Protein backbone atom coordinates (compact mmCIF):
# COMPACT_ATOMS: atom_id res chain seq x y z
CA MET A 1 -50.90 -96.21 26.48
CA GLY A 2 -54.06 -95.77 24.87
CA ARG A 3 -54.20 -98.94 22.86
CA ILE A 4 -53.38 -101.28 25.82
CA VAL A 5 -56.06 -99.01 27.50
CA THR A 6 -58.69 -100.24 24.70
CA ILE A 7 -57.28 -104.41 24.36
CA ALA A 8 -57.69 -103.78 28.67
CA LEU A 9 -61.26 -102.88 28.09
CA GLY A 10 -61.72 -105.64 25.43
CA ALA A 11 -60.18 -107.93 28.37
CA PHE A 12 -62.97 -106.37 30.90
CA LYS A 13 -65.89 -106.40 28.93
CA GLU A 14 -65.24 -110.24 27.58
CA SER A 15 -64.40 -111.69 31.09
CA VAL A 16 -67.76 -109.83 32.35
CA ARG A 17 -69.19 -111.84 30.12
CA GLU A 18 -68.05 -115.22 30.84
CA ARG A 19 -71.30 -116.77 33.35
CA VAL A 20 -68.33 -118.42 35.39
CA LEU A 21 -67.61 -114.75 36.49
CA TYR A 22 -71.16 -114.31 38.01
CA ASN A 23 -71.55 -117.64 39.90
CA LEU A 24 -68.00 -116.94 41.38
CA VAL A 25 -69.23 -113.78 42.98
CA VAL A 26 -72.74 -115.16 43.77
CA PHE A 27 -71.41 -118.37 45.48
CA ALA A 28 -68.91 -115.72 47.51
CA LEU A 29 -71.79 -113.76 48.31
CA LEU A 30 -73.24 -116.93 49.19
CA MET A 31 -70.73 -118.00 51.26
CA ILE A 32 -70.18 -114.43 53.58
CA GLY A 33 -73.80 -115.65 54.48
CA ALA A 34 -72.81 -118.66 55.56
CA ALA A 35 -70.37 -117.41 57.74
CA ILE A 36 -72.93 -115.04 59.30
CA LEU A 37 -75.08 -118.11 60.28
CA LEU A 38 -71.94 -120.14 61.62
CA GLY A 39 -71.24 -117.23 63.71
CA SER A 40 -74.49 -117.08 64.87
CA ILE A 41 -73.96 -120.43 66.60
CA SER A 42 -70.53 -119.91 68.14
CA VAL A 43 -70.27 -117.92 71.32
CA GLY A 44 -67.72 -115.01 71.54
CA VAL A 45 -65.85 -116.13 68.40
CA GLU A 46 -68.76 -114.80 65.33
CA GLN A 47 -66.80 -112.13 64.61
CA ILE A 48 -63.50 -113.86 64.09
CA ILE A 49 -64.99 -116.33 62.06
CA LEU A 50 -67.57 -113.89 60.38
CA VAL A 51 -64.29 -112.12 59.31
CA ASN A 52 -61.59 -115.96 58.83
CA LEU A 53 -64.67 -117.27 56.36
CA GLY A 54 -65.36 -114.13 54.39
CA LEU A 55 -61.73 -113.36 53.73
CA ALA A 56 -61.26 -116.74 53.24
CA ALA A 57 -64.22 -116.46 50.33
CA ILE A 58 -62.84 -113.48 49.14
CA SER A 59 -59.44 -115.49 48.52
CA VAL A 60 -60.58 -118.49 46.83
CA PHE A 61 -62.92 -117.16 44.28
CA GLY A 62 -60.73 -114.08 43.22
CA LEU A 63 -58.15 -117.09 42.99
CA LEU A 64 -60.68 -119.21 40.38
CA ILE A 65 -61.07 -115.86 38.48
CA ALA A 66 -57.76 -115.24 38.03
CA ILE A 67 -56.54 -118.68 36.84
CA PHE A 68 -60.15 -120.01 34.55
CA ILE A 69 -60.11 -116.60 32.94
CA GLY A 70 -56.91 -115.88 33.24
CA THR A 71 -54.97 -118.70 31.57
CA GLY A 72 -57.23 -118.07 28.42
CA LEU A 73 -56.74 -114.68 27.70
CA VAL A 74 -53.69 -115.27 25.42
CA SER A 75 -54.27 -118.71 24.34
CA LYS A 76 -58.27 -118.23 23.50
CA GLU A 77 -56.92 -115.76 20.57
CA ILE A 78 -54.75 -118.33 19.48
CA ASP A 79 -57.11 -121.35 19.51
CA ARG A 80 -60.04 -119.02 17.68
CA ARG A 81 -57.12 -117.26 15.36
CA THR A 82 -58.26 -113.88 16.28
CA ILE A 83 -54.78 -113.29 17.19
CA TYR A 84 -53.86 -112.46 13.46
CA ASN A 85 -56.74 -110.03 12.95
CA ILE A 86 -55.50 -107.75 16.51
CA LEU A 87 -52.20 -108.41 15.07
CA SER A 88 -52.54 -106.94 12.16
CA LYS A 89 -53.65 -104.10 13.23
CA PRO A 90 -50.75 -101.64 14.56
CA VAL A 91 -51.01 -103.00 18.11
CA ALA A 92 -47.14 -103.92 19.13
CA ARG A 93 -46.92 -108.29 20.89
CA SER A 94 -45.67 -106.30 24.10
CA GLU A 95 -48.94 -103.80 24.02
CA PHE A 96 -51.60 -106.61 23.60
CA ILE A 97 -49.99 -108.68 26.39
CA LEU A 98 -50.02 -105.83 28.88
CA GLY A 99 -53.62 -104.87 27.88
CA LYS A 100 -55.22 -108.59 28.46
CA TYR A 101 -52.80 -107.97 31.70
CA ALA A 102 -54.66 -104.53 32.86
CA GLY A 103 -58.42 -106.11 31.86
CA LEU A 104 -57.82 -109.03 33.88
CA LEU A 105 -56.49 -107.04 37.14
CA LEU A 106 -59.19 -104.33 36.34
CA THR A 107 -61.94 -107.46 36.80
CA LEU A 108 -60.79 -108.92 39.46
CA PHE A 109 -60.47 -105.51 41.12
CA VAL A 110 -64.29 -104.88 40.06
CA ASN A 111 -65.07 -108.76 41.69
CA THR A 112 -63.09 -108.27 44.91
CA ALA A 113 -64.70 -104.81 45.57
CA ILE A 114 -68.36 -105.74 45.39
CA MET A 115 -67.66 -108.98 47.43
CA THR A 116 -66.09 -107.37 50.23
CA ALA A 117 -68.55 -104.78 49.99
CA GLY A 118 -70.84 -107.54 50.48
CA PHE A 119 -68.79 -108.63 53.68
CA TYR A 120 -68.45 -105.20 54.82
CA VAL A 121 -72.71 -105.41 55.07
CA ALA A 122 -72.79 -109.27 56.37
CA LEU A 123 -70.20 -107.44 59.00
CA ALA A 124 -72.08 -104.26 59.83
CA ILE A 125 -75.26 -107.25 60.40
CA GLN A 126 -73.27 -108.93 62.41
CA LYS A 127 -72.26 -106.70 64.18
CA ARG A 128 -75.23 -104.12 64.21
CA GLY A 129 -73.23 -101.22 62.97
CA LEU A 130 -69.21 -100.85 61.61
CA ALA A 131 -66.53 -99.10 63.84
CA LEU A 132 -63.15 -97.93 62.18
CA PRO A 133 -61.00 -100.63 63.47
CA ASP A 134 -62.96 -102.68 61.47
CA PHE A 135 -61.68 -100.64 58.30
CA SER A 136 -58.49 -102.29 58.83
CA LEU A 137 -59.81 -105.36 57.16
CA LEU A 138 -58.85 -103.72 54.29
CA ILE A 139 -55.35 -104.36 54.54
CA ALA A 140 -55.43 -108.43 54.24
CA VAL A 141 -58.16 -107.53 51.04
CA TYR A 142 -54.84 -105.81 49.79
CA PHE A 143 -52.87 -108.29 50.39
CA ILE A 144 -55.10 -110.21 48.38
CA LEU A 145 -55.52 -108.37 45.23
CA LEU A 146 -51.29 -108.01 45.39
CA GLN A 147 -51.75 -112.16 45.50
CA LEU A 148 -53.84 -112.34 42.63
CA ALA A 149 -52.09 -109.75 40.92
CA ILE A 150 -49.38 -111.84 41.17
CA VAL A 151 -50.93 -115.43 40.04
CA VAL A 152 -52.61 -113.44 37.22
CA GLY A 153 -48.86 -112.81 36.04
CA VAL A 154 -48.22 -116.46 36.44
CA ALA A 155 -51.40 -117.44 33.92
CA ILE A 156 -50.41 -114.85 31.49
CA PHE A 157 -46.77 -116.18 31.24
CA PHE A 158 -48.25 -120.27 31.49
CA SER A 159 -50.68 -118.80 28.83
CA CYS A 160 -47.99 -118.18 26.11
CA ILE A 161 -46.45 -121.20 25.55
CA SER A 162 -49.33 -123.47 26.46
CA THR A 163 -52.70 -124.42 26.25
CA SER A 164 -55.46 -123.31 28.69
CA ILE A 165 -55.71 -126.30 30.62
CA LEU A 166 -52.20 -126.81 30.97
CA SER A 167 -51.53 -123.02 32.35
CA ALA A 168 -54.60 -123.42 34.95
CA VAL A 169 -52.29 -126.40 36.25
CA PHE A 170 -49.12 -124.47 36.18
CA THR A 171 -50.74 -122.04 37.38
CA PHE A 172 -52.33 -123.82 40.59
CA CYS A 173 -49.69 -126.22 41.02
CA ILE A 174 -47.05 -122.79 41.37
CA PHE A 175 -49.66 -120.74 44.31
CA VAL A 176 -49.84 -124.74 45.80
CA ILE A 177 -46.12 -124.50 46.17
CA GLY A 178 -45.61 -120.60 46.92
CA ASN A 179 -48.08 -120.35 49.64
CA PHE A 180 -45.60 -123.84 51.59
CA SER A 181 -42.05 -122.22 49.79
CA SER A 182 -40.54 -120.82 53.15
CA ASP A 183 -41.26 -124.54 54.64
CA ILE A 184 -39.53 -126.01 51.86
CA ARG A 185 -37.20 -124.12 52.58
CA ALA A 186 -36.85 -124.55 56.41
CA PHE A 187 -37.23 -128.66 55.16
CA GLY A 188 -34.14 -128.00 52.86
CA GLN A 189 -32.08 -126.20 55.52
CA ASP A 190 -33.32 -128.96 58.22
CA SER A 191 -32.37 -132.07 56.00
CA GLY A 192 -28.54 -131.59 56.74
CA SER A 193 -27.98 -132.76 52.69
CA PRO A 194 -26.06 -129.47 50.89
CA LEU A 195 -27.28 -130.73 47.60
CA LEU A 196 -31.23 -131.00 48.56
CA GLU A 197 -30.79 -127.15 50.83
CA LYS A 198 -29.57 -125.50 47.81
CA MET A 199 -32.74 -126.66 45.90
CA THR A 200 -35.09 -125.12 48.38
CA ALA A 201 -33.11 -122.33 48.43
CA VAL A 202 -33.23 -122.00 44.64
CA LEU A 203 -36.98 -122.85 44.41
CA TYR A 204 -37.28 -120.40 47.49
CA TYR A 205 -36.67 -117.99 45.46
CA LEU A 206 -37.68 -118.90 41.80
CA LEU A 207 -41.18 -118.96 43.25
CA PRO A 208 -43.37 -116.74 44.67
CA ASN A 209 -43.71 -116.61 48.51
CA PHE A 210 -47.60 -116.61 48.83
CA GLY A 211 -47.37 -117.30 52.15
CA ASP A 212 -46.14 -113.55 52.79
CA PHE A 213 -50.22 -112.41 51.60
CA ASN A 214 -52.03 -114.44 53.86
CA VAL A 215 -52.56 -112.42 56.96
CA ILE A 216 -56.06 -112.91 57.19
CA ASN A 217 -55.84 -114.34 60.89
CA GLN A 218 -53.49 -112.22 62.27
CA VAL A 219 -56.75 -109.35 61.35
CA ALA A 220 -59.29 -111.46 62.31
CA HIS A 221 -57.66 -111.15 65.61
CA GLY A 222 -57.03 -107.62 65.81
CA VAL A 223 -53.29 -108.37 65.41
CA ARG A 224 -51.70 -104.53 63.65
CA ILE A 225 -49.91 -105.69 60.21
CA PRO A 226 -46.76 -103.08 60.33
CA ARG A 227 -46.25 -100.43 57.53
CA VAL A 228 -42.72 -101.74 56.41
CA PHE A 229 -44.59 -105.33 55.86
CA ILE A 230 -47.06 -103.86 53.71
CA THR A 231 -44.77 -101.59 51.53
CA ALA A 232 -42.17 -105.12 51.85
CA ASN A 233 -44.60 -107.24 49.72
CA THR A 234 -45.77 -104.99 47.40
CA CYS A 235 -42.83 -104.40 46.23
CA TYR A 236 -42.44 -107.46 46.13
CA ALA A 237 -45.61 -108.05 44.43
CA LEU A 238 -44.35 -105.48 41.75
CA LEU A 239 -40.83 -106.66 40.96
CA TYR A 240 -42.31 -110.26 40.78
CA ILE A 241 -45.22 -109.09 38.09
CA ALA A 242 -42.90 -106.69 35.94
CA VAL A 243 -39.98 -110.17 35.72
CA LEU A 244 -42.93 -112.38 34.87
CA LEU A 245 -44.56 -110.28 32.29
CA SER A 246 -41.03 -109.27 30.88
CA GLY A 247 -40.64 -112.84 30.53
CA ALA A 248 -44.32 -113.10 29.22
CA VAL A 249 -43.95 -110.62 26.48
CA LEU A 250 -40.22 -111.88 25.17
CA ILE A 251 -41.96 -116.00 24.40
CA PHE A 252 -44.40 -113.64 22.97
CA GLU A 253 -42.42 -111.91 20.94
CA GLU A 254 -40.94 -114.65 19.80
CA ARG A 255 -43.56 -116.78 18.84
CA GLU A 256 -45.25 -117.59 15.84
CA PHE A 257 -48.72 -118.80 15.48
């Protein structure tokens, strides 16, 4: 555990040194500022616009961090040949993968916390104060973090078998398709073709269902998210992450450098 924590902290420091990280955070805060401006010129729907744009900015820029930094965590070490120095120490390959994953999760958590704080400052300015129901919006932020945790797992998995560029492309494609997995399955069921229905069903169960983690519109309109749904999504995310990391570790254990 100590070695995993050491690798995680190293990955966190390396991620913080990436200039793109700061640019994304600043740009996300600017987007939230734009949400205030848009809200001020839309009579009656100021808060809905602010919540939708603010949370969407947190999600989008968190996704960019997860993909562009996550896909380089492993492959960058291989390209620089620093992997030999790391693995020559008493560090198991599984500890290396888990440490890198935990380090990027820490980076995402810190940056999401910063962006969420900025979002609530904007909301307080727009509403001239905050009420207890406003903090129910944190459920959407929690779902965003779960979604990003899966994306990081996908990025780490592809990073173990491909280059940084291809890993980023694959991860982005998985994210896009995963947001429409339910629609793809429904299309197969309505197609009337047994083969197509089976293929879309396999895709539905194989790919992560990112659509279930998008509750931004619901919380913006004050819809209560059931606890059962929160628990189910949490268990689903943990299980999917465990499968991804297990696959990444198995591939990395067998890889020759």
